[in-house]
C-alpha atoms as a PDB file:
ATOM      1  CA  MET A   1    -120.782 -54.800  42.876  1.00  0.00           C
ATOM      2  CA  LYS A   2    -118.521 -51.861  42.807  1.00  0.00           C
ATOM      3  CA  GLN A   3    -118.986 -48.889  46.227  1.00  0.00           C
ATOM      4  CA  GLN A   4    -117.200 -46.203  46.527  1.00  0.00           C
ATOM      5  CA  LEU A   5    -116.283 -45.490  50.360  1.00  0.00           C
ATOM      6  CA  THR A   6    -114.502 -42.875  52.299  1.00  0.00           C
ATOM      7  CA  THR A   7    -111.858 -43.270  55.081  1.00  0.00           C
ATOM      8  CA  THR A   8    -109.232 -41.536  57.191  1.00  0.00           C
ATOM      9  CA  VAL A   9    -106.191 -43.097  57.555  1.00  0.00           C
ATOM     10  CA  ARG A  10    -103.402 -42.243  60.498  1.00  0.00           C
ATOM     11  CA  VAL A  11     -99.362 -42.747  59.165  1.00  0.00           C
ATOM     12  CA  GLU A  12     -96.470 -42.160  60.685  1.00  0.00           C
ATOM     13  CA  GLY A  13     -93.266 -41.715  59.082  1.00  0.00           C
ATOM     14  CA  LYS A  14     -89.765 -41.145  59.976  1.00  0.00           C
ATOM     15  CA  GLY A  15     -86.593 -39.953  57.924  1.00  0.00           C
ATOM     16  CA  GLU A  16     -83.208 -37.968  57.725  1.00  0.00           C
ATOM     17  CA  ASN A  17     -84.817 -34.826  55.724  1.00  0.00           C
ATOM     18  CA  LYS A  18     -88.729 -34.000  55.815  1.00  0.00           C
ATOM     19  CA  SER A  19     -89.293 -35.188  51.815  1.00  0.00           C
ATOM     20  CA  ALA A  20     -88.174 -38.317  53.188  1.00  0.00           C
ATOM     21  CA  ALA A  21     -90.360 -38.391  56.344  1.00  0.00           C
ATOM     22  CA  PHE A  22     -93.512 -37.888  54.036  1.00  0.00           C
ATOM     23  CA  SER A  23     -92.732 -40.310  51.569  1.00  0.00           C
ATOM     24  CA  ALA A  24     -92.158 -42.791  54.544  1.00  0.00           C
ATOM     25  CA  ALA A  25     -95.814 -41.854  55.723  1.00  0.00           C
ATOM     26  CA  LEU A  26     -97.587 -41.961  52.180  1.00  0.00           C
ATOM     27  CA  SER A  27     -95.988 -45.254  51.528  1.00  0.00           C
ATOM     28  CA  GLN A  28     -97.876 -46.603  54.361  1.00  0.00           C
ATOM     29  CA  VAL A  29    -101.208 -45.688  53.502  1.00  0.00           C
ATOM     30  CA  GLN A  30    -102.134 -48.638  50.888  1.00  0.00           C
ATOM     31  CA  ARG A  31    -100.829 -51.063  53.502  1.00  0.00           C
ATOM     32  CA  ASN A  32    -103.290 -49.604  56.131  1.00  0.00           C
ATOM     33  CA  VAL A  33    -105.914 -49.187  54.123  1.00  0.00           C
ATOM     34  CA  LEU A  34    -105.410 -53.178  52.711  1.00  0.00           C
ATOM     35  CA  LYS A  35    -105.470 -53.983  57.147  1.00  0.00           C
ATOM     36  CA  SER A  36    -109.223 -52.331  57.060  1.00  0.00           C
ATOM     37  CA  THR A  37    -111.583 -53.865  54.650  1.00  0.00           C
ATOM     38  CA  GLN A  38    -111.658 -57.544  53.097  1.00  0.00           C
ATOM     39  CA  ASN A  39    -112.849 -56.016  49.560  1.00  0.00           C
ATOM     40  CA  ILE A  40    -110.857 -56.213  46.284  1.00  0.00           C
ATOM     41  CA  LEU A  41    -109.293 -51.906  46.246  1.00  0.00           C
ATOM     42  CA  LEU A  42    -109.747 -50.790  43.202  1.00  0.00           C
ATOM     43  CA  ARG A  43    -108.578 -47.481  43.251  1.00  0.00           C
ATOM     44  CA  ILE A  44    -107.332 -45.340  46.290  1.00  0.00           C
ATOM     45  CA  GLU A  45    -107.489 -41.418  46.079  1.00  0.00           C
ATOM     46  CA  PRO A  46    -106.073 -39.294  48.248  1.00  0.00           C
ATOM     47  CA  GLN A  47    -108.541 -36.191  49.455  1.00  0.00           C
ATOM     48  CA  ASP A  48    -107.268 -34.353  52.114  1.00  0.00           C
ATOM     49  CA  VAL A  49    -103.782 -34.282  54.403  1.00  0.00           C
ATOM     50  CA  ASN A  50    -103.671 -33.059  57.860  1.00  0.00           C
ATOM     51  CA  VAL A  51    -100.824 -32.978  59.600  1.00  0.00           C
ATOM     52  CA  ILE A  52    -101.186 -34.545  63.203  1.00  0.00           C
ATOM     53  CA  THR A  53     -97.573 -34.127  64.503  1.00  0.00           C
ATOM     54  CA  ALA A  54     -94.454 -32.372  63.030  1.00  0.00           C
ATOM     55  CA  GLU A  55     -91.193 -32.455  64.557  1.00  0.00           C
ATOM     56  CA  GLU A  56     -87.486 -32.005  64.373  1.00  0.00           C
ATOM     57  CA  THR A  57     -84.742 -33.914  66.394  1.00  0.00           C
ATOM     58  CA  ILE A  58     -81.087 -32.430  66.356  1.00  0.00           C
ATOM     59  CA  LYS A  59     -78.544 -34.332  68.409  1.00  0.00           C
ATOM     60  CA  ARG A  60     -74.825 -32.816  68.501  1.00  0.00           C
ATOM     61  CA  GLU A  61     -72.123 -35.241  67.893  1.00  0.00           C
ATOM     62  CA  LYS A  62     -68.469 -35.401  68.449  1.00  0.00           C
ATOM     63  CA  PHE A  63     -65.613 -37.793  67.647  1.00  0.00           C
ATOM     64  CA  LEU A  64     -64.278 -38.133  70.851  1.00  0.00           C
ATOM     65  CA  PHE A  65     -65.766 -36.002  73.154  1.00  0.00           C
ATOM     66  CA  PHE A  66     -63.831 -32.966  71.358  1.00  0.00           C
ATOM     67  CA  PHE A  67     -63.327 -33.297  67.626  1.00  0.00           C
ATOM     68  CA  LEU A  68     -65.182 -33.092  64.242  1.00  0.00           C
ATOM     69  CA  SER A  69     -68.140 -32.011  65.648  1.00  0.00           C
ATOM     70  CA  ARG A  70     -71.615 -32.181  64.136  1.00  0.00           C
ATOM     71  CA  GLU A  71     -75.461 -31.820  64.488  1.00  0.00           C
ATOM     72  CA  ARG A  72     -77.285 -34.627  62.754  1.00  0.00           C
ATOM     73  CA  LYS A  73     -81.096 -33.844  62.161  1.00  0.00           C
ATOM     74  CA  SER A  74     -83.939 -36.285  61.862  1.00  0.00           C
ATOM     75  CA  TYR A  75     -87.582 -35.571  61.265  1.00  0.00           C
ATOM     76  CA  TYR A  76     -90.639 -37.467  61.865  1.00  0.00           C
ATOM     77  CA  VAL A  77     -94.273 -37.195  60.804  1.00  0.00           C
ATOM     78  CA  ALA A  78     -98.006 -38.003  61.872  1.00  0.00           C
ATOM     79  CA  LEU A  79    -100.564 -37.726  59.141  1.00  0.00           C
ATOM     80  CA  ASP A  80    -104.490 -37.662  58.721  1.00  0.00           C
ATOM     81  CA  ILE A  81    -105.281 -38.670  55.058  1.00  0.00           C
ATOM     82  CA  THR A  82    -108.605 -38.819  53.918  1.00  0.00           C
ATOM     83  CA  VAL A  83    -109.222 -41.402  50.829  1.00  0.00           C
ATOM     84  CA  ASN A  84    -111.943 -42.163  48.580  1.00  0.00           C
ATOM     85  CA  LEU A  85    -111.988 -46.004  48.172  1.00  0.00           C
ATOM     86  CA  THR A  86    -113.323 -47.882  45.056  1.00  0.00           C
ATOM     87  CA  VAL A  87    -113.601 -51.380  45.677  1.00  0.00           C
ATOM     88  CA  ILE A  88    -115.493 -54.646  44.885  1.00  0.00           C
ATOM     89  CA  ASN A  89    -117.808 -56.090  47.627  1.00  0.00           C
ATOM     90  CA  THR A  90    -116.960 -59.527  47.612  1.00  0.00           C
ATOM     91  CA  ASP A  91    -119.867 -61.082  49.133  1.00  0.00           C
ATOM     92  CA  LYS A  92    -121.920 -59.571  46.460  1.00  0.00           C
ATOM     93  CA  VAL A  93    -120.639 -61.925  44.103  1.00  0.00           C
ATOM     94  CA  VAL A  94    -122.188 -65.090  43.308  1.00  0.00           C
ATOM     95  CA  PHE A  95    -120.179 -68.119  42.493  1.00  0.00           C
ATOM     96  CA  VAL A  96    -120.558 -71.046  40.464  1.00  0.00           C
ATOM     97  CA  THR A  97    -119.832 -74.479  42.431  1.00  0.00           C
ATOM     98  CA  LYS A  98    -118.525 -76.823  39.425  1.00  0.00           C
END
């Protein structure tokens, strides 16, 4: 019934700082794993993280084109995360009809 699987998930995240971008990406791991399997998940253990893309975008803004100039930064990351899954295979469970 209980099985161990290993899979790789690609996730992306954006944020106003580096930690927010990584946090947004890592919060998508469980959602993407649930989409890829029909089994019941018991545990998701990240094993390895590979950074595919890491980008910093800087925009210069000015109020009325002249006043109060500032720079706004935004960050984007794309990650490949290798995870070990512990699942219950529902196809092997025998249900009794009453």
